Amino acid sequence: MREAPRTEVDRLLMRLADGDRGAFTPFFDRVWPAVRAYCARVLQDEADADDAAQEALSKVLTRSHQYDTDRPAMPWHASPAIGAR
């Protein structure tokens, strides 16, 4: 059974998992700074960090149907960026 969303990011990712592509822009706006900052710390290059963060969030969009809505969004949406290292 689905838990109630814990955060706004959880709610937006749950909408994405349900096929609501309109949730991507607000989701992107909320998570971009953290994902971008993580990529910049790992890659130590601003252009590479932009590319990696963009790729990570693109993967979130294309794989949103795989999101387990019973789990918090933060580890799940950040996992593609971890592959940037």
C-alpha atoms as a PDB file:
ATOM      1  CA  MET A   1       0.000   0.000   0.000  1.00  0.00           C
ATOM      2  CA  ARG A   2       1.230   3.456  -0.892  1.00  0.00           C
ATOM      3  CA  GLU A   3       2.338   5.745   1.890  1.00  0.00           C
ATOM      4  CA  ALA A   4       1.448   9.403   1.817  1.00  0.00           C
ATOM      5  CA  PRO A   5       4.265  11.440   0.243  1.00  0.00           C
ATOM      6  CA  ARG A   6       6.764  12.639   2.847  1.00  0.00           C
ATOM      7  CA  THR A   7       8.058  15.693   0.986  1.00  0.00           C
ATOM      8  CA  GLU A   8       7.175  17.802  -2.022  1.00  0.00           C
ATOM      9  CA  VAL A   9       9.892  15.974  -3.996  1.00  0.00           C
ATOM     10  CA  ASP A  10       8.317  12.629  -3.009  1.00  0.00           C
ATOM     11  CA  ARG A  11       4.918  13.894  -4.158  1.00  0.00           C
ATOM     12  CA  LEU A  12       6.299  15.096  -7.488  1.00  0.00           C
ATOM     13  CA  LEU A  13       8.204  11.874  -8.106  1.00  0.00           C
ATOM     14  CA  MET A  14       5.076   9.897  -7.266  1.00  0.00           C
ATOM     15  CA  ARG A  15       3.214  11.923  -9.907  1.00  0.00           C
ATOM     16  CA  LEU A  16       5.985  11.170 -12.409  1.00  0.00           C
ATOM     17  CA  ALA A  17       5.757   7.465 -11.559  1.00  0.00           C
ATOM     18  CA  ASP A  18       2.034   7.683 -12.283  1.00  0.00           C
ATOM     19  CA  GLY A  19       2.786   9.090 -15.744  1.00  0.00           C
ATOM     20  CA  ASP A  20       2.178  12.784 -15.034  1.00  0.00           C
ATOM     21  CA  ARG A  21       4.922  14.379 -17.150  1.00  0.00           C
ATOM     22  CA  GLY A  22       3.715  17.820 -16.035  1.00  0.00           C
ATOM     23  CA  ALA A  23       5.346  17.105 -12.680  1.00  0.00           C
ATOM     24  CA  PHE A  24       8.839  17.035 -14.211  1.00  0.00           C
ATOM     25  CA  THR A  25       9.463  20.793 -14.381  1.00  0.00           C
ATOM     26  CA  PRO A  26       8.616  21.453 -10.718  1.00  0.00           C
ATOM     27  CA  PHE A  27      10.542  18.286  -9.768  1.00  0.00           C
ATOM     28  CA  PHE A  28      13.544  19.468 -11.789  1.00  0.00           C
ATOM     29  CA  ASP A  29      13.388  22.948 -10.244  1.00  0.00           C
ATOM     30  CA  ARG A  30      13.438  21.480  -6.731  1.00  0.00           C
ATOM     31  CA  VAL A  31      16.197  18.877  -7.156  1.00  0.00           C
ATOM     32  CA  TRP A  32      18.500  20.496  -9.733  1.00  0.00           C
ATOM     33  CA  PRO A  33      20.565  22.523  -7.220  1.00  0.00           C
ATOM     34  CA  ALA A  34      21.383  19.481  -5.052  1.00  0.00           C
ATOM     35  CA  VAL A  35      22.068  17.111  -7.964  1.00  0.00           C
ATOM     36  CA  ARG A  36      24.181  19.738  -9.741  1.00  0.00           C
ATOM     37  CA  ALA A  37      26.158  20.514  -6.569  1.00  0.00           C
ATOM     38  CA  TYR A  38      26.822  16.815  -5.989  1.00  0.00           C
ATOM     39  CA  CYS A  39      28.074  16.359  -9.550  1.00  0.00           C
ATOM     40  CA  ALA A  40      30.302  19.440  -9.251  1.00  0.00           C
ATOM     41  CA  ARG A  41      31.884  18.104  -6.047  1.00  0.00           C
ATOM     42  CA  VAL A  42      32.513  14.698  -7.578  1.00  0.00           C
ATOM     43  CA  LEU A  43      33.654  15.757 -11.039  1.00  0.00           C
ATOM     44  CA  GLN A  44      35.523  18.976 -10.149  1.00  0.00           C
ATOM     45  CA  ASP A  45      34.565  20.467 -13.516  1.00  0.00           C
ATOM     46  CA  GLU A  46      31.615  22.825 -14.030  1.00  0.00           C
ATOM     47  CA  ALA A  47      30.772  21.799 -17.606  1.00  0.00           C
ATOM     48  CA  ASP A  48      31.001  18.095 -16.792  1.00  0.00           C
ATOM     49  CA  ALA A  49      28.852  18.667 -13.697  1.00  0.00           C
ATOM     50  CA  ASP A  50      26.143  20.336 -15.799  1.00  0.00           C
ATOM     51  CA  ASP A  51      26.187  17.449 -18.278  1.00  0.00           C
ATOM     52  CA  ALA A  52      26.130  14.769 -15.582  1.00  0.00           C
ATOM     53  CA  ALA A  53      23.313  16.429 -13.633  1.00  0.00           C
ATOM     54  CA  GLN A  54      21.264  16.863 -16.813  1.00  0.00           C
ATOM     55  CA  GLU A  55      21.820  13.215 -17.738  1.00  0.00           C
ATOM     56  CA  ALA A  56      20.907  12.055 -14.233  1.00  0.00           C
ATOM     57  CA  LEU A  57      17.617  13.950 -14.226  1.00  0.00           C
ATOM     58  CA  SER A  58      16.845  12.780 -17.742  1.00  0.00           C
ATOM     59  CA  LYS A  59      17.204   9.209 -16.458  1.00  0.00           C
ATOM     60  CA  VAL A  60      14.817   9.998 -13.618  1.00  0.00           C
ATOM     61  CA  LEU A  61      12.227  11.077 -16.190  1.00  0.00           C
ATOM     62  CA  THR A  62      12.644   8.011 -18.391  1.00  0.00           C
ATOM     63  CA  ARG A  63      12.765   5.604 -15.438  1.00  0.00           C
ATOM     64  CA  SER A  64      10.155   7.210 -13.213  1.00  0.00           C
ATOM     65  CA  HIS A  65       7.850   4.221 -13.678  1.00  0.00           C
ATOM     66  CA  GLN A  66      10.448   2.165 -11.726  1.00  0.00           C
ATOM     67  CA  TYR A  67      10.257   4.389  -8.646  1.00  0.00           C
ATOM     68  CA  ASP A  68       9.061   2.498  -5.559  1.00  0.00           C
ATOM     69  CA  THR A  69       6.535   4.958  -4.182  1.00  0.00           C
ATOM     70  CA  ASP A  70       6.818   3.403  -0.724  1.00  0.00           C
ATOM     71  CA  ARG A  71      10.398   4.677  -0.422  1.00  0.00           C
ATOM     72  CA  PRO A  72      11.762   8.228  -0.087  1.00  0.00           C
ATOM     73  CA  ALA A  73      12.557  10.028  -3.331  1.00  0.00           C
ATOM     74  CA  MET A  74      15.923  11.473  -2.353  1.00  0.00           C
ATOM     75  CA  PRO A  75      18.102   8.358  -2.634  1.00  0.00           C
ATOM     76  CA  TRP A  76      16.272   7.202  -5.758  1.00  0.00           C
ATOM     77  CA  HIS A  77      16.485  10.412  -7.786  1.00  0.00           C
ATOM     78  CA  ALA A  78      20.106  10.973  -6.771  1.00  0.00           C
ATOM     79  CA  SER A  79      21.281   7.507  -7.793  1.00  0.00           C
ATOM     80  CA  PRO A  80      21.865   8.322 -11.496  1.00  0.00           C
ATOM     81  CA  ALA A  81      24.161  11.180 -10.445  1.00  0.00           C
ATOM     82  CA  ILE A  82      26.215   8.779  -8.349  1.00  0.00           C
ATOM     83  CA  GLY A  83      27.110   7.018 -11.607  1.00  0.00           C
ATOM     84  CA  ALA A  84      28.724  10.265 -12.752  1.00  0.00           C
ATOM     85  CA  ARG A  85      31.813   9.627 -10.679  1.00  0.00           C
END
